[in-house]
């Protein structure tokens, strides 16, 4: 997906979302040459915050008739409830690191069950 139309992108799927990072509305674009009904798509992203960009991609995947199989992210801001906003899509959401809070310059990670047995 792209956030800006390139000169070679003619026919696209597009979906809008609100970016908390830059504080304004953005548009995601996917060329119709790259996505069709036979595709199974795993969304991989750096952050999951509000879930708005992942939701925009899920809308594009649905519009194309493709099948979303999951969302994987490096860092999830647990306190922003992005996972909750994606729960209605019925697909797994996985993250490498889940941040519980950020207070006074201290990042508190959410520890998974069984973490203390590693």
N, C-alpha and C. Protein backbone atom coordinates (compact mmCIF):
# COMPACT_ATOMS: atom_id res chain seq x y z
N UNK A 1 0.84 -1.18 0.00
CA UNK A 1 0.00 0.00 0.00
C UNK A 1 0.88 1.23 0.00
N UNK A 2 0.37 2.27 -0.63
CA UNK A 2 1.09 3.54 -0.69
C UNK A 2 0.26 4.63 -0.05
N UNK A 3 0.93 5.68 0.40
CA UNK A 3 0.24 6.82 0.98
C UNK A 3 0.13 7.97 -0.01
N UNK A 4 0.79 7.83 -1.16
CA UNK A 4 0.71 8.82 -2.23
C UNK A 4 0.64 8.09 -3.56
N UNK A 5 -0.09 8.68 -4.50
CA UNK A 5 -0.20 8.08 -5.83
C UNK A 5 1.09 8.35 -6.60
N UNK A 6 1.68 7.30 -7.15
CA UNK A 6 2.85 7.47 -8.00
C UNK A 6 2.38 7.73 -9.43
N UNK A 7 3.27 8.17 -10.27
CA UNK A 7 2.89 8.50 -11.65
C UNK A 7 2.48 7.28 -12.45
N UNK A 8 2.88 6.09 -12.02
CA UNK A 8 2.54 4.87 -12.76
C UNK A 8 1.28 4.18 -12.23
N UNK A 9 0.68 4.71 -11.16
CA UNK A 9 -0.52 4.12 -10.58
C UNK A 9 -1.76 4.74 -11.22
N UNK A 10 -2.42 3.99 -12.07
CA UNK A 10 -3.60 4.53 -12.74
C UNK A 10 -4.88 4.13 -12.01
N UNK A 11 -5.13 2.84 -11.91
CA UNK A 11 -6.37 2.33 -11.34
C UNK A 11 -6.08 1.75 -9.96
N UNK A 12 -6.70 2.33 -8.93
CA UNK A 12 -6.36 1.91 -7.57
C UNK A 12 -7.60 1.66 -6.72
N UNK A 13 -7.40 0.85 -5.69
CA UNK A 13 -8.32 0.79 -4.57
C UNK A 13 -7.82 1.86 -3.60
N UNK A 14 -8.72 2.54 -2.90
CA UNK A 14 -8.26 3.51 -1.92
C UNK A 14 -9.21 3.55 -0.73
N UNK A 15 -8.64 3.93 0.41
CA UNK A 15 -9.43 4.05 1.64
C UNK A 15 -8.78 5.12 2.50
N UNK A 16 -9.60 5.94 3.11
CA UNK A 16 -9.11 6.98 3.99
C UNK A 16 -9.01 6.51 5.43
N UNK A 17 -8.15 7.17 6.19
CA UNK A 17 -8.01 6.89 7.62
C UNK A 17 -7.42 8.11 8.29
N UNK A 18 -7.54 8.18 9.61
CA UNK A 18 -6.96 9.28 10.36
C UNK A 18 -5.65 8.83 10.99
N UNK A 19 -4.57 9.51 10.68
CA UNK A 19 -3.25 9.18 11.21
C UNK A 19 -3.01 9.91 12.52
N UNK A 20 -2.87 9.15 13.62
CA UNK A 20 -2.53 9.77 14.90
C UNK A 20 -1.08 10.27 14.89
N UNK A 21 -0.23 9.65 14.07
CA UNK A 21 1.17 10.03 14.02
C UNK A 21 1.35 11.45 13.51
N UNK A 22 0.63 11.78 12.43
CA UNK A 22 0.79 13.12 11.86
C UNK A 22 -0.41 14.02 12.15
N UNK A 23 -1.45 13.47 12.76
CA UNK A 23 -2.58 14.26 13.21
C UNK A 23 -3.50 14.77 12.12
N UNK A 24 -3.61 14.01 11.03
CA UNK A 24 -4.54 14.42 9.97
C UNK A 24 -4.99 13.21 9.17
N UNK A 25 -5.99 13.44 8.31
CA UNK A 25 -6.50 12.35 7.48
C UNK A 25 -5.50 12.01 6.39
N UNK A 26 -5.41 10.72 6.09
CA UNK A 26 -4.52 10.21 5.03
C UNK A 26 -5.31 9.28 4.13
N UNK A 27 -4.71 8.90 3.03
CA UNK A 27 -5.32 8.00 2.06
C UNK A 27 -4.34 6.88 1.77
N UNK A 28 -4.82 5.63 1.81
CA UNK A 28 -4.00 4.49 1.39
C UNK A 28 -4.44 4.07 0.01
N UNK A 29 -3.48 3.71 -0.83
CA UNK A 29 -3.75 3.31 -2.20
C UNK A 29 -3.08 1.97 -2.50
N UNK A 30 -3.81 1.10 -3.20
CA UNK A 30 -3.25 -0.17 -3.68
C UNK A 30 -3.64 -0.31 -5.14
N UNK A 31 -2.66 -0.53 -5.99
CA UNK A 31 -2.94 -0.71 -7.41
C UNK A 31 -3.82 -1.94 -7.62
N UNK A 32 -4.81 -1.80 -8.49
CA UNK A 32 -5.69 -2.94 -8.80
C UNK A 32 -4.92 -4.05 -9.51
N UNK A 33 -3.73 -3.75 -10.03
CA UNK A 33 -2.88 -4.77 -10.64
C UNK A 33 -2.27 -5.70 -9.59
N UNK A 34 -2.29 -5.30 -8.32
CA UNK A 34 -1.59 -6.05 -7.27
C UNK A 34 -2.52 -6.81 -6.33
N UNK A 35 -3.83 -6.73 -6.51
CA UNK A 35 -4.75 -7.35 -5.57
C UNK A 35 -6.00 -7.81 -6.29
N UNK A 36 -6.33 -9.11 -6.13
CA UNK A 36 -7.58 -9.61 -6.72
C UNK A 36 -8.22 -10.65 -5.82
N UNK A 37 -9.34 -11.19 -6.25
CA UNK A 37 -10.16 -12.07 -5.40
C UNK A 37 -9.48 -13.39 -5.02
N UNK A 38 -8.44 -13.77 -5.70
CA UNK A 38 -7.74 -15.02 -5.37
C UNK A 38 -6.68 -14.84 -4.28
N UNK A 39 -6.40 -13.62 -3.90
CA UNK A 39 -5.33 -13.34 -2.95
C UNK A 39 -5.74 -13.55 -1.50
N UNK A 40 -4.81 -14.07 -0.72
CA UNK A 40 -4.93 -14.17 0.75
C UNK A 40 -3.86 -13.24 1.29
N UNK A 41 -4.28 -12.27 2.11
CA UNK A 41 -3.39 -11.17 2.48
C UNK A 41 -3.14 -11.15 3.99
N UNK A 42 -1.85 -11.10 4.34
CA UNK A 42 -1.43 -10.86 5.71
C UNK A 42 -0.89 -9.43 5.77
N UNK A 43 -1.50 -8.60 6.59
CA UNK A 43 -1.04 -7.22 6.76
C UNK A 43 0.10 -7.22 7.77
N UNK A 44 1.24 -6.66 7.38
CA UNK A 44 2.40 -6.53 8.27
C UNK A 44 2.72 -5.05 8.38
N UNK A 45 2.81 -4.55 9.61
CA UNK A 45 3.00 -3.12 9.82
C UNK A 45 3.96 -2.91 10.99
N UNK A 46 4.46 -1.70 11.13
CA UNK A 46 5.38 -1.42 12.23
C UNK A 46 4.64 -1.18 13.54
N UNK A 47 3.58 -0.35 13.55
CA UNK A 47 2.86 -0.02 14.77
C UNK A 47 1.38 -0.36 14.65
N UNK A 48 0.80 -0.76 15.75
CA UNK A 48 -0.65 -0.82 15.90
C UNK A 48 -1.00 0.13 17.03
N UNK A 49 -1.68 1.21 16.69
CA UNK A 49 -2.09 2.19 17.69
C UNK A 49 -3.61 2.19 17.73
N UNK A 50 -4.24 3.05 16.97
CA UNK A 50 -5.71 3.08 16.93
C UNK A 50 -6.29 2.02 16.01
N UNK A 51 -5.47 1.50 15.11
CA UNK A 51 -5.93 0.49 14.16
C UNK A 51 -6.52 1.08 12.89
N UNK A 52 -6.50 2.41 12.75
CA UNK A 52 -7.16 3.04 11.60
C UNK A 52 -6.49 2.71 10.27
N UNK A 53 -5.16 2.65 10.21
CA UNK A 53 -4.51 2.33 8.93
C UNK A 53 -4.72 0.87 8.56
N UNK A 54 -4.67 -0.03 9.56
CA UNK A 54 -4.92 -1.44 9.28
C UNK A 54 -6.37 -1.65 8.85
N UNK A 55 -7.29 -0.91 9.48
CA UNK A 55 -8.69 -1.02 9.08
C UNK A 55 -8.90 -0.53 7.65
N UNK A 56 -8.20 0.53 7.25
CA UNK A 56 -8.29 1.02 5.87
C UNK A 56 -7.81 -0.06 4.90
N UNK A 57 -6.70 -0.73 5.24
CA UNK A 57 -6.21 -1.82 4.38
C UNK A 57 -7.20 -2.98 4.33
N UNK A 58 -7.84 -3.29 5.45
CA UNK A 58 -8.84 -4.36 5.46
C UNK A 58 -10.04 -4.00 4.59
N UNK A 59 -10.41 -2.73 4.55
CA UNK A 59 -11.50 -2.30 3.66
C UNK A 59 -11.10 -2.46 2.20
N UNK A 60 -9.85 -2.13 1.87
CA UNK A 60 -9.35 -2.29 0.50
C UNK A 60 -9.35 -3.76 0.11
N UNK A 61 -8.87 -4.62 1.00
CA UNK A 61 -8.84 -6.07 0.74
C UNK A 61 -10.24 -6.57 0.47
N UNK A 62 -11.20 -6.15 1.28
CA UNK A 62 -12.59 -6.56 1.10
C UNK A 62 -13.14 -6.05 -0.23
N UNK A 63 -12.88 -4.80 -0.57
CA UNK A 63 -13.35 -4.24 -1.83
C UNK A 63 -12.81 -5.02 -3.02
N UNK A 64 -11.58 -5.50 -2.92
CA UNK A 64 -10.96 -6.27 -4.00
C UNK A 64 -11.50 -7.69 -4.08
N UNK A 65 -12.23 -8.12 -3.05
CA UNK A 65 -12.73 -9.49 -3.02
C UNK A 65 -11.70 -10.48 -2.52
N UNK A 66 -10.57 -9.98 -2.05
CA UNK A 66 -9.51 -10.84 -1.52
C UNK A 66 -9.85 -11.24 -0.09
N UNK A 67 -9.03 -12.10 0.50
CA UNK A 67 -9.25 -12.60 1.86
C UNK A 67 -8.14 -12.15 2.79
N UNK A 68 -8.49 -11.41 3.82
CA UNK A 68 -7.51 -11.03 4.85
C UNK A 68 -7.34 -12.22 5.79
N UNK A 69 -6.09 -12.59 6.08
CA UNK A 69 -5.83 -13.73 6.95
C UNK A 69 -5.26 -13.34 8.30
N UNK A 70 -4.87 -12.06 8.47
CA UNK A 70 -4.35 -11.63 9.76
C UNK A 70 -3.61 -10.33 9.67
N UNK A 71 -3.27 -9.82 10.86
CA UNK A 71 -2.47 -8.60 10.99
C UNK A 71 -1.32 -8.92 11.92
N UNK A 72 -0.11 -8.58 11.50
CA UNK A 72 1.08 -8.75 12.33
C UNK A 72 1.80 -7.42 12.45
N UNK A 73 2.14 -7.03 13.68
CA UNK A 73 2.84 -5.76 13.90
C UNK A 73 4.04 -5.97 14.80
N UNK A 74 5.00 -5.06 14.69
CA UNK A 74 6.17 -5.11 15.55
C UNK A 74 5.82 -4.61 16.94
N UNK A 75 5.25 -3.39 17.03
CA UNK A 75 4.92 -2.78 18.32
C UNK A 75 3.44 -2.46 18.38
N UNK A 76 2.80 -2.87 19.46
CA UNK A 76 1.38 -2.56 19.68
C UNK A 76 1.26 -1.67 20.90
N UNK A 77 0.62 -0.53 20.72
CA UNK A 77 0.31 0.36 21.84
C UNK A 77 -1.01 -0.12 22.44
N UNK A 78 -0.90 -1.00 23.40
CA UNK A 78 -2.06 -1.64 24.03
C UNK A 78 -3.08 -0.62 24.53
N UNK A 79 -2.61 0.49 25.05
CA UNK A 79 -3.47 1.51 25.65
C UNK A 79 -4.29 2.28 24.62
N UNK A 80 -3.99 2.15 23.31
CA UNK A 80 -4.76 2.85 22.28
C UNK A 80 -5.90 2.02 21.70
N UNK A 81 -6.01 0.77 22.10
CA UNK A 81 -7.16 -0.09 21.76
C UNK A 81 -7.32 -0.40 20.27
N UNK A 82 -6.23 -0.38 19.51
CA UNK A 82 -6.30 -0.76 18.09
C UNK A 82 -6.74 -2.19 17.88
N UNK A 83 -6.30 -3.07 18.76
CA UNK A 83 -6.69 -4.48 18.67
C UNK A 83 -8.21 -4.61 18.80
N UNK A 84 -8.80 -3.83 19.69
CA UNK A 84 -10.25 -3.87 19.89
C UNK A 84 -10.96 -3.39 18.62
N UNK A 85 -10.45 -2.33 18.00
CA UNK A 85 -11.09 -1.80 16.80
C UNK A 85 -11.02 -2.77 15.63
N UNK A 86 -10.05 -3.68 15.63
CA UNK A 86 -9.92 -4.67 14.55
C UNK A 86 -10.64 -5.97 14.85
N UNK A 87 -11.16 -6.11 16.07
CA UNK A 87 -11.76 -7.39 16.49
C UNK A 87 -12.97 -7.79 15.66
N UNK A 88 -13.68 -6.84 15.09
CA UNK A 88 -14.86 -7.15 14.30
C UNK A 88 -14.57 -7.80 12.96
N UNK A 89 -13.30 -7.84 12.55
CA UNK A 89 -12.95 -8.43 11.27
C UNK A 89 -12.75 -9.94 11.36
N UNK A 90 -12.69 -10.48 12.56
CA UNK A 90 -12.58 -11.93 12.73
C UNK A 90 -11.28 -12.54 12.24
N UNK A 91 -10.19 -11.79 12.32
CA UNK A 91 -8.89 -12.31 11.91
C UNK A 91 -7.91 -12.16 13.08
N UNK A 92 -6.89 -13.01 13.12
CA UNK A 92 -5.91 -12.89 14.22
C UNK A 92 -5.09 -11.60 14.09
N UNK A 93 -4.78 -11.02 15.25
CA UNK A 93 -3.89 -9.86 15.34
C UNK A 93 -2.76 -10.25 16.27
N UNK A 94 -1.54 -10.23 15.77
CA UNK A 94 -0.37 -10.62 16.56
C UNK A 94 0.64 -9.48 16.59
N UNK A 95 1.32 -9.35 17.72
CA UNK A 95 2.35 -8.33 17.85
C UNK A 95 3.57 -8.94 18.53
N UNK A 96 4.75 -8.42 18.17
CA UNK A 96 5.99 -8.88 18.77
C UNK A 96 6.12 -8.31 20.18
N UNK A 97 5.83 -7.01 20.33
CA UNK A 97 5.95 -6.32 21.61
C UNK A 97 4.66 -5.54 21.85
N UNK A 98 4.11 -5.67 23.06
CA UNK A 98 2.91 -4.91 23.44
C UNK A 98 3.27 -3.93 24.54
N UNK A 99 3.04 -2.64 24.26
CA UNK A 99 3.35 -1.58 25.21
C UNK A 99 2.11 -1.31 26.05
N UNK A 100 2.22 -1.49 27.37
CA UNK A 100 1.08 -1.27 28.27
C UNK A 100 0.88 0.21 28.55
N UNK A 101 1.99 0.95 28.73
CA UNK A 101 1.88 2.38 29.04
C UNK A 101 3.21 3.07 28.80
N UNK A 102 3.11 4.39 28.67
CA UNK A 102 4.29 5.24 28.61
C UNK A 102 4.01 6.41 29.56
N UNK A 103 4.77 6.45 30.65
CA UNK A 103 4.57 7.51 31.67
C UNK A 103 5.93 8.02 32.13
N UNK A 104 6.06 9.33 32.15
CA UNK A 104 7.29 9.98 32.63
C UNK A 104 8.54 9.41 31.97
N UNK A 105 8.44 9.14 30.67
CA UNK A 105 9.58 8.63 29.92
C UNK A 105 9.88 7.16 30.13
N UNK A 106 9.00 6.45 30.85
CA UNK A 106 9.21 5.02 31.10
C UNK A 106 8.20 4.21 30.30
N UNK A 107 8.71 3.27 29.52
CA UNK A 107 7.86 2.39 28.73
C UNK A 107 7.64 1.10 29.50
N UNK A 108 6.37 0.79 29.77
CA UNK A 108 6.01 -0.45 30.47
C UNK A 108 5.48 -1.45 29.45
N UNK A 109 6.14 -2.60 29.34
CA UNK A 109 5.70 -3.63 28.40
C UNK A 109 4.68 -4.54 29.06
N UNK A 110 3.79 -5.08 28.26
CA UNK A 110 2.82 -6.06 28.72
C UNK A 110 3.47 -7.43 28.60
N UNK A 111 3.57 -8.13 29.70
CA UNK A 111 4.18 -9.45 29.67
C UNK A 111 3.10 -10.49 29.44
N UNK A 112 3.36 -11.40 28.52
CA UNK A 112 2.43 -12.47 28.17
C UNK A 112 2.49 -13.57 29.20
N UNK A 113 1.42 -14.35 29.31
CA UNK A 113 1.42 -15.54 30.17
C UNK A 113 2.55 -16.45 29.80
N UNK A 114 3.27 -16.97 30.76
CA UNK A 114 4.36 -17.87 30.50
C UNK A 114 5.69 -17.19 30.29
N UNK A 115 5.70 -15.85 30.25
CA UNK A 115 6.93 -15.11 30.01
C UNK A 115 7.97 -15.40 31.08
N UNK A 116 7.53 -15.55 32.33
CA UNK A 116 8.45 -15.76 33.43
C UNK A 116 9.05 -17.15 33.43
N UNK A 117 8.56 -18.05 32.57
CA UNK A 117 9.08 -19.42 32.49
C UNK A 117 10.11 -19.57 31.38
N UNK A 118 10.40 -18.49 30.69
CA UNK A 118 11.36 -18.58 29.56
C UNK A 118 12.77 -18.57 30.07
